[in-house]
C-alpha atoms as a PDB file:
ATOM      1  CA  MET A   1     -15.416 -55.667   6.956  1.00  0.00           C
ATOM      2  CA  ASP A   2     -12.948 -52.846   6.580  1.00  0.00           C
ATOM      3  CA  LEU A   3     -13.486 -52.821   2.835  1.00  0.00           C
ATOM      4  CA  LYS A   4     -17.239 -52.487   3.332  1.00  0.00           C
ATOM      5  CA  LYS A   5     -16.709 -49.542   5.682  1.00  0.00           C
ATOM      6  CA  LEU A   6     -14.332 -47.978   3.186  1.00  0.00           C
ATOM      7  CA  ASP A   7     -16.854 -48.389   0.360  1.00  0.00           C
ATOM      8  CA  MET A   8     -19.606 -46.948   2.522  1.00  0.00           C
ATOM      9  CA  LYS A   9     -17.392 -43.981   3.369  1.00  0.00           C
ATOM     10  CA  LYS A  10     -16.654 -43.404  -0.309  1.00  0.00           C
ATOM     11  CA  CYS A  11     -20.361 -43.527  -1.128  1.00  0.00           C
ATOM     12  CA  MET A  12     -21.098 -40.967   1.581  1.00  0.00           C
ATOM     13  CA  TYR A  13     -18.439 -38.613   0.186  1.00  0.00           C
ATOM     14  CA  ILE A  14     -19.783 -39.048  -3.344  1.00  0.00           C
ATOM     15  CA  VAL A  15     -23.351 -38.302  -2.235  1.00  0.00           C
ATOM     16  CA  LEU A  16     -22.139 -35.272  -0.291  1.00  0.00           C
ATOM     17  CA  LEU A  17     -20.235 -33.933  -3.313  1.00  0.00           C
ATOM     18  CA  ILE A  18     -23.286 -34.443  -5.532  1.00  0.00           C
ATOM     19  CA  LEU A  19     -25.380 -32.481  -3.033  1.00  0.00           C
ATOM     20  CA  VAL A  20     -22.767 -29.695  -2.990  1.00  0.00           C
ATOM     21  CA  ALA A  21     -22.830 -29.494  -6.798  1.00  0.00           C
ATOM     22  CA  VAL A  22     -26.640 -29.456  -6.919  1.00  0.00           C
ATOM     23  CA  PHE A  23     -26.829 -26.855  -4.135  1.00  0.00           C
ATOM     24  CA  SER A  24     -24.254 -24.718  -5.934  1.00  0.00           C
ATOM     25  CA  ILE A  25     -26.216 -24.805  -9.210  1.00  0.00           C
ATOM     26  CA  THR A  26     -29.751 -24.444  -7.841  1.00  0.00           C
ATOM     27  CA  VAL A  27     -29.263 -22.123  -4.844  1.00  0.00           C
ATOM     28  CA  ILE A  28     -25.913 -20.322  -4.756  1.00  0.00           C
ATOM     29  CA  ALA A  29     -25.591 -19.635  -8.509  1.00  0.00           C
ATOM     30  CA  PRO A  30     -28.966 -17.813  -8.775  1.00  0.00           C
ATOM     31  CA  TRP A  31     -28.145 -15.814  -5.646  1.00  0.00           C
ATOM     32  CA  ALA A  32     -24.612 -14.918  -6.777  1.00  0.00           C
ATOM     33  CA  SER A  33     -25.760 -13.877 -10.279  1.00  0.00           C
ATOM     34  CA  ASP A  34     -28.776 -11.886  -9.048  1.00  0.00           C
ATOM     35  CA  PRO A  35     -28.239  -8.109  -9.579  1.00  0.00           C
ATOM     36  CA  GLU A  36     -29.982  -7.398  -6.263  1.00  0.00           C
ATOM     37  CA  THR A  37     -27.172  -9.234  -4.462  1.00  0.00           C
ATOM     38  CA  HIS A  38     -24.664  -6.717  -5.840  1.00  0.00           C
ATOM     39  CA  THR A  39     -26.852  -3.621  -5.579  1.00  0.00           C
ATOM     40  CA  HIS A  40     -24.170  -1.386  -4.055  1.00  0.00           C
ATOM     41  CA  SER A  41     -21.468  -2.334  -6.575  1.00  0.00           C
ATOM     42  CA  ILE A  42     -23.843  -1.912  -9.512  1.00  0.00           C
ATOM     43  CA  GLU A  43     -25.040   1.477  -8.231  1.00  0.00           C
ATOM     44  CA  GLN A  44     -21.472   2.716  -7.857  1.00  0.00           C
ATOM     45  CA  THR A  45     -20.633   1.556 -11.375  1.00  0.00           C
ATOM     46  CA  GLU A  46     -23.769   3.181 -12.809  1.00  0.00           C
ATOM     47  CA  ASP A  47     -22.862   6.481 -11.125  1.00  0.00           C
ATOM     48  CA  LYS A  48     -19.466   6.363 -12.804  1.00  0.00           C
ATOM     49  CA  ILE A  49     -21.113   5.517 -16.130  1.00  0.00           C
ATOM     50  CA  SER A  50     -23.399   8.532 -15.815  1.00  0.00           C
ATOM     51  CA  THR A  51     -20.446  10.802 -14.996  1.00  0.00           C
ATOM     52  CA  VAL A  52     -18.374   9.525 -17.910  1.00  0.00           C
ATOM     53  CA  MET A  53     -21.299   9.946 -20.316  1.00  0.00           C
ATOM     54  CA  THR A  54     -21.683  13.558 -19.154  1.00  0.00           C
ATOM     55  CA  LEU A  55     -17.964  14.216 -19.585  1.00  0.00           C
ATOM     56  CA  SER A  56     -17.904  12.591 -23.011  1.00  0.00           C
ATOM     57  CA  GLY A  57     -20.996  14.504 -24.186  1.00  0.00           C
ATOM     58  CA  GLY A  58     -19.707  17.823 -22.864  1.00  0.00           C
ATOM     59  CA  SER A  59     -16.307  17.316 -24.457  1.00  0.00           C
ATOM     60  CA  ALA A  60     -17.797  16.365 -27.817  1.00  0.00           C
ATOM     61  CA  ALA A  61     -20.319  19.230 -27.744  1.00  0.00           C
ATOM     62  CA  THR A  62     -17.659  21.824 -26.901  1.00  0.00           C
ATOM     63  CA  SER A  63     -15.390  20.460 -29.609  1.00  0.00           C
ATOM     64  CA  ALA A  64     -18.188  20.661 -32.175  1.00  0.00           C
ATOM     65  CA  THR A  65     -19.007  24.245 -31.159  1.00  0.00           C
ATOM     66  CA  LEU A  66     -15.385  25.332 -31.488  1.00  0.00           C
ATOM     67  CA  SER A  67     -15.025  23.650 -34.867  1.00  0.00           C
ATOM     68  CA  LEU A  68     -17.921  25.749 -36.231  1.00  0.00           C
ATOM     69  CA  LEU A  69     -16.143  29.008 -35.484  1.00  0.00           C
ATOM     70  CA  PRO A  70     -14.246  30.583 -38.410  1.00  0.00           C
ATOM     71  CA  GLY A  71     -10.482  30.671 -38.249  1.00  0.00           C
ATOM     72  CA  ASP A  72      -7.957  28.262 -36.797  1.00  0.00           C
ATOM     73  CA  LEU A  73      -7.526  29.858 -33.393  1.00  0.00           C
ATOM     74  CA  CYS A  74      -9.555  27.227 -31.522  1.00  0.00           C
ATOM     75  CA  THR A  75      -8.819  24.272 -33.806  1.00  0.00           C
ATOM     76  CA  PRO A  76      -6.144  22.717 -31.516  1.00  0.00           C
ATOM     77  CA  ILE A  77      -8.480  22.925 -28.519  1.00  0.00           C
ATOM     78  CA  ALA A  78     -11.348  21.430 -30.549  1.00  0.00           C
ATOM     79  CA  GLU A  79      -9.152  18.529 -31.702  1.00  0.00           C
ATOM     80  CA  GLN A  80      -7.935  17.851 -28.171  1.00  0.00           C
ATOM     81  CA  LEU A  81     -11.475  17.837 -26.807  1.00  0.00           C
ATOM     82  CA  ALA A  82     -12.569  15.460 -29.583  1.00  0.00           C
ATOM     83  CA  GLU A  83      -9.717  13.128 -28.651  1.00  0.00           C
ATOM     84  CA  LEU A  84     -10.732  13.284 -25.000  1.00  0.00           C
ATOM     85  CA  ALA A  85     -14.274  12.302 -25.983  1.00  0.00           C
ATOM     86  CA  THR A  86     -12.832   9.172 -27.646  1.00  0.00           C
ATOM     87  CA  TYR A  87     -10.979   8.199 -24.476  1.00  0.00           C
ATOM     88  CA  PHE A  88     -14.126   8.706 -22.411  1.00  0.00           C
ATOM     89  CA  ILE A  89     -15.966   6.298 -24.717  1.00  0.00           C
ATOM     90  CA  LEU A  90     -13.277   3.666 -24.071  1.00  0.00           C
ATOM     91  CA  ILE A  91     -13.658   4.194 -20.310  1.00  0.00           C
ATOM     92  CA  LEU A  92     -17.427   3.873 -20.709  1.00  0.00           C
ATOM     93  CA  SER A  93     -16.967   0.501 -22.417  1.00  0.00           C
ATOM     94  CA  ALA A  94     -14.713  -0.680 -19.580  1.00  0.00           C
ATOM     95  CA  LEU A  95     -17.319   0.355 -17.005  1.00  0.00           C
ATOM     96  CA  TYR A  96     -20.085  -1.529 -18.825  1.00  0.00           C
ATOM     97  CA  LEU A  97     -17.868  -4.616 -18.957  1.00  0.00           C
ATOM     98  CA  GLU A  98     -17.229  -4.274 -15.241  1.00  0.00           C
ATOM     99  CA  LYS A  99     -20.973  -4.002 -14.609  1.00  0.00           C
ATOM    100  CA  PHE A 100     -21.661  -7.190 -16.579  1.00  0.00           C
ATOM    101  CA  MET A 101     -18.840  -9.087 -14.858  1.00  0.00           C
ATOM    102  CA  ILE A 102     -20.260  -8.341 -11.403  1.00  0.00           C
ATOM    103  CA  THR A 103     -23.107 -10.821 -11.979  1.00  0.00           C
ATOM    104  CA  LEU A 104     -21.405 -13.016 -14.586  1.00  0.00           C
ATOM    105  CA  SER A 105     -18.572 -14.002 -12.231  1.00  0.00           C
ATOM    106  CA  GLY A 106     -21.036 -15.527  -9.749  1.00  0.00           C
ATOM    107  CA  TYR A 107     -22.736 -17.527 -12.492  1.00  0.00           C
ATOM    108  CA  LEU A 108     -19.392 -18.756 -13.850  1.00  0.00           C
ATOM    109  CA  THR A 109     -18.137 -19.799 -10.424  1.00  0.00           C
ATOM    110  CA  PHE A 110     -21.131 -21.552  -8.894  1.00  0.00           C
ATOM    111  CA  TRP A 111     -22.855 -22.891 -12.004  1.00  0.00           C
ATOM    112  CA  ILE A 112     -19.747 -24.169 -13.812  1.00  0.00           C
ATOM    113  CA  LEU A 113     -16.499 -24.259 -11.826  1.00  0.00           C
ATOM    114  CA  ILE A 114     -17.674 -25.516  -8.411  1.00  0.00           C
ATOM    115  CA  PRO A 115     -19.745 -28.403  -9.912  1.00  0.00           C
ATOM    116  CA  MET A 116     -16.776 -29.195 -12.167  1.00  0.00           C
ATOM    117  CA  ALA A 117     -14.529 -29.368  -9.104  1.00  0.00           C
ATOM    118  CA  CYS A 118     -17.019 -31.756  -7.468  1.00  0.00           C
ATOM    119  CA  VAL A 119     -16.862 -33.987 -10.537  1.00  0.00           C
ATOM    120  CA  PHE A 120     -13.073 -34.217 -10.230  1.00  0.00           C
ATOM    121  CA  PHE A 121     -13.355 -34.974  -6.500  1.00  0.00           C
ATOM    122  CA  ILE A 122     -15.795 -37.788  -7.257  1.00  0.00           C
ATOM    123  CA  SER A 123     -13.451 -39.092  -9.952  1.00  0.00           C
ATOM    124  CA  ALA A 124     -10.606 -39.081  -7.422  1.00  0.00           C
ATOM    125  CA  ILE A 125     -12.693 -41.089  -4.934  1.00  0.00           C
ATOM    126  CA  ILE A 126     -13.771 -43.649  -7.514  1.00  0.00           C
ATOM    127  CA  SER A 127     -10.413 -44.071  -9.251  1.00  0.00           C
ATOM    128  CA  GLY A 128      -8.174 -43.444  -6.253  1.00  0.00           C
ATOM    129  CA  LYS A 129      -5.986 -41.078  -8.271  1.00  0.00           C
ATOM    130  CA  GLU A 130      -4.739 -38.053  -6.350  1.00  0.00           C
ATOM    131  CA  HIS A 131      -4.234 -36.149  -9.608  1.00  0.00           C
ATOM    132  CA  PHE A 132      -8.004 -35.664  -9.960  1.00  0.00           C
ATOM    133  CA  LYS A 133      -8.232 -34.362  -6.396  1.00  0.00           C
ATOM    134  CA  THR A 134      -5.463 -31.834  -7.085  1.00  0.00           C
ATOM    135  CA  ILE A 135      -7.275 -30.583 -10.205  1.00  0.00           C
ATOM    136  CA  GLY A 136     -10.511 -30.312  -8.228  1.00  0.00           C
ATOM    137  CA  TYR A 137      -8.834 -28.183  -5.549  1.00  0.00           C
ATOM    138  CA  LYS A 138      -7.346 -25.865  -8.156  1.00  0.00           C
ATOM    139  CA  ILE A 139     -10.644 -25.409 -10.025  1.00  0.00           C
ATOM    140  CA  ALA A 140     -12.526 -24.679  -6.791  1.00  0.00           C
ATOM    141  CA  VAL A 141      -9.951 -22.120  -5.634  1.00  0.00           C
ATOM    142  CA  THR A 142      -9.892 -20.494  -9.071  1.00  0.00           C
ATOM    143  CA  GLY A 143     -13.690 -20.186  -9.067  1.00  0.00           C
ATOM    144  CA  LEU A 144     -13.754 -18.557  -5.646  1.00  0.00           C
ATOM    145  CA  ILE A 145     -11.018 -16.111  -6.708  1.00  0.00           C
ATOM    146  CA  ILE A 146     -12.974 -15.157  -9.833  1.00  0.00           C
ATOM    147  CA  PHE A 147     -16.101 -14.605  -7.756  1.00  0.00           C
ATOM    148  CA  LEU A 148     -14.335 -12.403  -5.197  1.00  0.00           C
ATOM    149  CA  ILE A 149     -11.981 -10.496  -7.487  1.00  0.00           C
ATOM    150  CA  VAL A 150     -14.603  -8.483  -9.419  1.00  0.00           C
ATOM    151  CA  PRO A 151     -16.403  -7.050  -6.360  1.00  0.00           C
ATOM    152  CA  SER A 152     -12.993  -6.429  -4.792  1.00  0.00           C
ATOM    153  CA  SER A 153     -11.836  -4.410  -7.804  1.00  0.00           C
ATOM    154  CA  VAL A 154     -15.093  -2.421  -7.734  1.00  0.00           C
ATOM    155  CA  ILE A 155     -14.670  -1.640  -4.026  1.00  0.00           C
ATOM    156  CA  LEU A 156     -11.003  -0.673  -4.471  1.00  0.00           C
ATOM    157  CA  SER A 157     -11.821   1.511  -7.479  1.00  0.00           C
ATOM    158  CA  ASP A 158     -14.629   3.207  -5.563  1.00  0.00           C
ATOM    159  CA  ILE A 159     -12.322   3.979  -2.617  1.00  0.00           C
ATOM    160  CA  VAL A 160      -9.823   5.643  -4.957  1.00  0.00           C
ATOM    161  CA  TYR A 161     -12.568   7.416  -6.906  1.00  0.00           C
ATOM    162  CA  GLN A 162     -14.154   8.932  -3.794  1.00  0.00           C
ATOM    163  CA  THR A 163     -10.968  10.895  -3.121  1.00  0.00           C
ATOM    164  CA  GLN A 164     -11.478  12.814  -6.388  1.00  0.00           C
ATOM    165  CA  ALA A 165     -15.239  12.443  -6.853  1.00  0.00           C
ATOM    166  CA  GLU A 166     -16.065  16.082  -6.098  1.00  0.00           C
ATOM    167  CA  SER A 167     -13.639  17.493  -8.668  1.00  0.00           C
ATOM    168  CA  VAL A 168     -14.783  15.030 -11.351  1.00  0.00           C
ATOM    169  CA  GLU A 169     -18.454  15.798 -10.746  1.00  0.00           C
ATOM    170  CA  ARG A 170     -17.685  19.539 -10.811  1.00  0.00           C
ATOM    171  CA  VAL A 171     -16.059  19.185 -14.229  1.00  0.00           C
ATOM    172  CA  ALA A 172     -19.034  17.146 -15.413  1.00  0.00           C
ATOM    173  CA  GLU A 173     -21.402  19.938 -14.355  1.00  0.00           C
ATOM    174  CA  GLU A 174     -19.207  22.546 -16.053  1.00  0.00           C
ATOM    175  CA  SER A 175     -19.258  20.576 -19.279  1.00  0.00           C
ATOM    176  CA  LYS A 176     -23.068  20.812 -19.341  1.00  0.00           C
ATOM    177  CA  ASP A 177     -23.131  24.620 -19.109  1.00  0.00           C
ATOM    178  CA  MET A 178     -19.986  25.429 -21.095  1.00  0.00           C
ATOM    179  CA  GLN A 179     -20.596  28.677 -22.974  1.00  0.00           C
ATOM    180  CA  ILE A 180     -18.289  30.205 -25.565  1.00  0.00           C
ATOM    181  CA  GLU A 181     -18.369  33.985 -25.715  1.00  0.00           C
ATOM    182  CA  SER A 182     -17.474  35.668 -29.003  1.00  0.00           C
ATOM    183  CA  GLU A 183     -17.323  39.081 -30.607  1.00  0.00           C
ATOM    184  CA  SER A 184     -18.633  39.584 -34.151  1.00  0.00           C
ATOM    185  CA  SER A 185     -17.791  42.290 -36.676  1.00  0.00           C
ATOM    186  CA  GLY A 186     -18.433  42.833 -40.368  1.00  0.00           C
ATOM    187  CA  GLY A 187     -21.480  42.618 -42.572  1.00  0.00           C
ATOM    188  CA  PHE A 188     -23.852  39.815 -43.446  1.00  0.00           C
ATOM    189  CA  LEU A 189     -21.591  38.389 -46.142  1.00  0.00           C
ATOM    190  CA  ASN A 190     -18.306  39.064 -44.396  1.00  0.00           C
ATOM    191  CA  GLU A 191     -18.697  38.226 -40.757  1.00  0.00           C
ATOM    192  CA  ILE A 192     -15.614  37.708 -38.598  1.00  0.00           C
ATOM    193  CA  THR A 193     -15.985  36.087 -35.225  1.00  0.00           C
ATOM    194  CA  THR A 194     -13.253  36.387 -32.635  1.00  0.00           C
ATOM    195  CA  ILE A 195     -12.883  34.703 -29.274  1.00  0.00           C
ATOM    196  CA  THR A 196     -12.307  36.889 -26.231  1.00  0.00           C
ATOM    197  CA  SER A 197      -9.209  36.337 -24.097  1.00  0.00           C
ATOM    198  CA  ASN A 198     -11.376  35.424 -21.128  1.00  0.00           C
ATOM    199  CA  THR A 199     -12.994  32.656 -23.167  1.00  0.00           C
ATOM    200  CA  ILE A 200      -9.565  31.350 -24.208  1.00  0.00           C
ATOM    201  CA  ASP A 201      -8.502  31.189 -20.562  1.00  0.00           C
ATOM    202  CA  LYS A 202     -11.774  29.517 -19.657  1.00  0.00           C
ATOM    203  CA  LEU A 203     -11.331  26.921 -22.392  1.00  0.00           C
ATOM    204  CA  SER A 204      -7.741  26.219 -21.340  1.00  0.00           C
ATOM    205  CA  ALA A 205      -8.844  25.704 -17.735  1.00  0.00           C
ATOM    206  CA  PHE A 206     -11.692  23.504 -18.947  1.00  0.00           C
ATOM    207  CA  VAL A 207      -9.307  21.311 -20.953  1.00  0.00           C
ATOM    208  CA  GLU A 208      -7.012  20.956 -17.928  1.00  0.00           C
ATOM    209  CA  ASP A 209      -9.958  19.935 -15.745  1.00  0.00           C
ATOM    210  CA  MET A 210     -11.090  17.434 -18.366  1.00  0.00           C
ATOM    211  CA  LEU A 211      -7.597  15.925 -18.498  1.00  0.00           C
ATOM    212  CA  GLU A 212      -7.602  15.573 -14.717  1.00  0.00           C
ATOM    213  CA  ALA A 213     -11.035  13.951 -14.785  1.00  0.00           C
ATOM    214  CA  LEU A 214      -9.855  11.632 -17.576  1.00  0.00           C
ATOM    215  CA  ALA A 215      -6.835  10.590 -15.506  1.00  0.00           C
ATOM    216  CA  VAL A 216      -9.032   9.816 -12.493  1.00  0.00           C
ATOM    217  CA  MET A 217     -11.467   7.750 -14.554  1.00  0.00           C
ATOM    218  CA  LEU A 218      -8.641   5.904 -16.312  1.00  0.00           C
ATOM    219  CA  VAL A 219      -7.131   4.898 -12.975  1.00  0.00           C
ATOM    220  CA  THR A 220     -10.405   3.873 -11.340  1.00  0.00           C
ATOM    221  CA  ALA A 221     -12.147   2.290 -14.338  1.00  0.00           C
ATOM    222  CA  CYS A 222      -9.228   0.764 -16.264  1.00  0.00           C
ATOM    223  CA  ILE A 223      -5.879   0.602 -14.473  1.00  0.00           C
ATOM    224  CA  ILE A 224      -7.098  -0.746 -11.114  1.00  0.00           C
ATOM    225  CA  PRO A 225      -9.254  -3.513 -12.716  1.00  0.00           C
ATOM    226  CA  ILE A 226      -6.329  -4.419 -14.995  1.00  0.00           C
ATOM    227  CA  LEU A 227      -3.961  -4.648 -12.021  1.00  0.00           C
ATOM    228  CA  VAL A 228      -6.483  -6.779 -10.161  1.00  0.00           C
ATOM    229  CA  PHE A 229      -6.837  -9.017 -13.221  1.00  0.00           C
ATOM    230  CA  VAL A 230      -3.040  -9.344 -13.507  1.00  0.00           C
ATOM    231  CA  PHE A 231      -2.946 -10.306  -9.841  1.00  0.00           C
ATOM    232  CA  LEU A 232      -5.671 -12.888 -10.512  1.00  0.00           C
ATOM    233  CA  VAL A 233      -3.713 -14.384 -13.420  1.00  0.00           C
ATOM    234  CA  TRP A 234      -0.562 -14.527 -11.302  1.00  0.00           C
ATOM    235  CA  LEU A 235      -2.400 -16.130  -8.387  1.00  0.00           C
ATOM    236  CA  VAL A 236      -4.107 -18.738 -10.570  1.00  0.00           C
ATOM    237  CA  LYS A 237      -0.805 -19.466 -12.321  1.00  0.00           C
ATOM    238  CA  THR A 238       0.867 -19.923  -8.954  1.00  0.00           C
ATOM    239  CA  ILE A 239      -1.882 -22.268  -7.792  1.00  0.00           C
ATOM    240  CA  PHE A 240      -1.776 -24.325 -10.965  1.00  0.00           C
ATOM    241  CA  SER A 241       2.012 -24.549 -11.016  1.00  0.00           C
ATOM    242  CA  SER A 242       2.273 -25.699  -7.389  1.00  0.00           C
ATOM    243  CA  ASN A 243       1.331 -29.021  -5.894  1.00  0.00           C
ATOM    244  CA  ILE A 244      -1.101 -29.530  -3.043  1.00  0.00           C
ATOM    245  CA  PRO A 245       1.016 -30.773  -0.107  1.00  0.00           C
ATOM    246  CA  VAL A 246      -1.759 -32.965   1.311  1.00  0.00           C
ATOM    247  CA  GLY A 247      -2.279 -34.817  -1.940  1.00  0.00           C
ATOM    248  CA  GLY A 248       1.456 -35.307  -2.372  1.00  0.00           C
ATOM    249  CA  TYR A 249       1.926 -36.771   1.101  1.00  0.00           C
ATOM    250  CA  GLN A 250      -1.056 -39.070   0.686  1.00  0.00           C
ATOM    251  CA  CYS A 251       0.254 -40.246  -2.659  1.00  0.00           C
ATOM    252  CA  ASP A 252       3.737 -40.930  -1.238  1.00  0.00           C
ATOM    253  CA  TYR A 253       2.185 -42.782   1.678  1.00  0.00           C
ATOM    254  CA  TRP A 254       0.238 -45.146  -0.556  1.00  0.00           C
ATOM    255  CA  ASN A 255       3.245 -45.632  -2.857  1.00  0.00           C
ATOM    256  CA  ASP A 256       5.424 -46.571   0.132  1.00  0.00           C
ATOM    257  CA  ARG A 257       2.854 -49.105   1.269  1.00  0.00           C
ATOM    258  CA  LYS A 258       2.695 -50.645  -2.187  1.00  0.00           C
ATOM    259  CA  TYR A 259       6.487 -50.720  -2.380  1.00  0.00           C
ATOM    260  CA  LYS A 260       6.796 -52.464   0.992  1.00  0.00           C
ATOM    261  CA  LYS A 261       4.249 -55.057  -0.023  1.00  0.00           C
END
């Protein structure tokens, strides 16, 4: 009679795990991967993308304008601005990746990892091996961490970015209306263009502001997500390298019973 109750209990757990897997795939996965679920995070990321595109375009345009002027006076500034434009493109790529991962992490967790964890739990019930249960716990925890870590990195990056948002947006607006004043002398065939000292000072200040904006965007769009990812790797590694106490005690309990028999 006890065996029948035990089998019935196992069947109930198996049915429950199947329902959890089906519910995760059909209900939670579509909700977690729907862009409307992450509207705020996506809007914040798109605002940063727009700002970086403005900074990159303004830096490239100013560099191209300076490179057209005769002489080598503004060549170092033009080269530095062109290099800054390259870094802004890299930040833009990181922001697009972050935007894609916001919805992709939910799909990966609830359409793949949670059902996979349920399969291992069912295997543990059928076979009686605690090793499958341990793997199922680890996969489920890893999936939940992946789902939570991307929105968390976006929120943390946004908190840091808001402290410098005004200065970055001001530089972005300046890059749109950057004007280079020059003085021309000579005839049609021998024209010499010189840059006024005020323009040189303005360009130097502009480059400094662009460097500051670049530093802010690097921290918020690249460094913070990388640190969060490193923390994720460390946490998953810790989970996978440690044993679940409950499973271990249950396994020792059954081994002791078998040994006594």
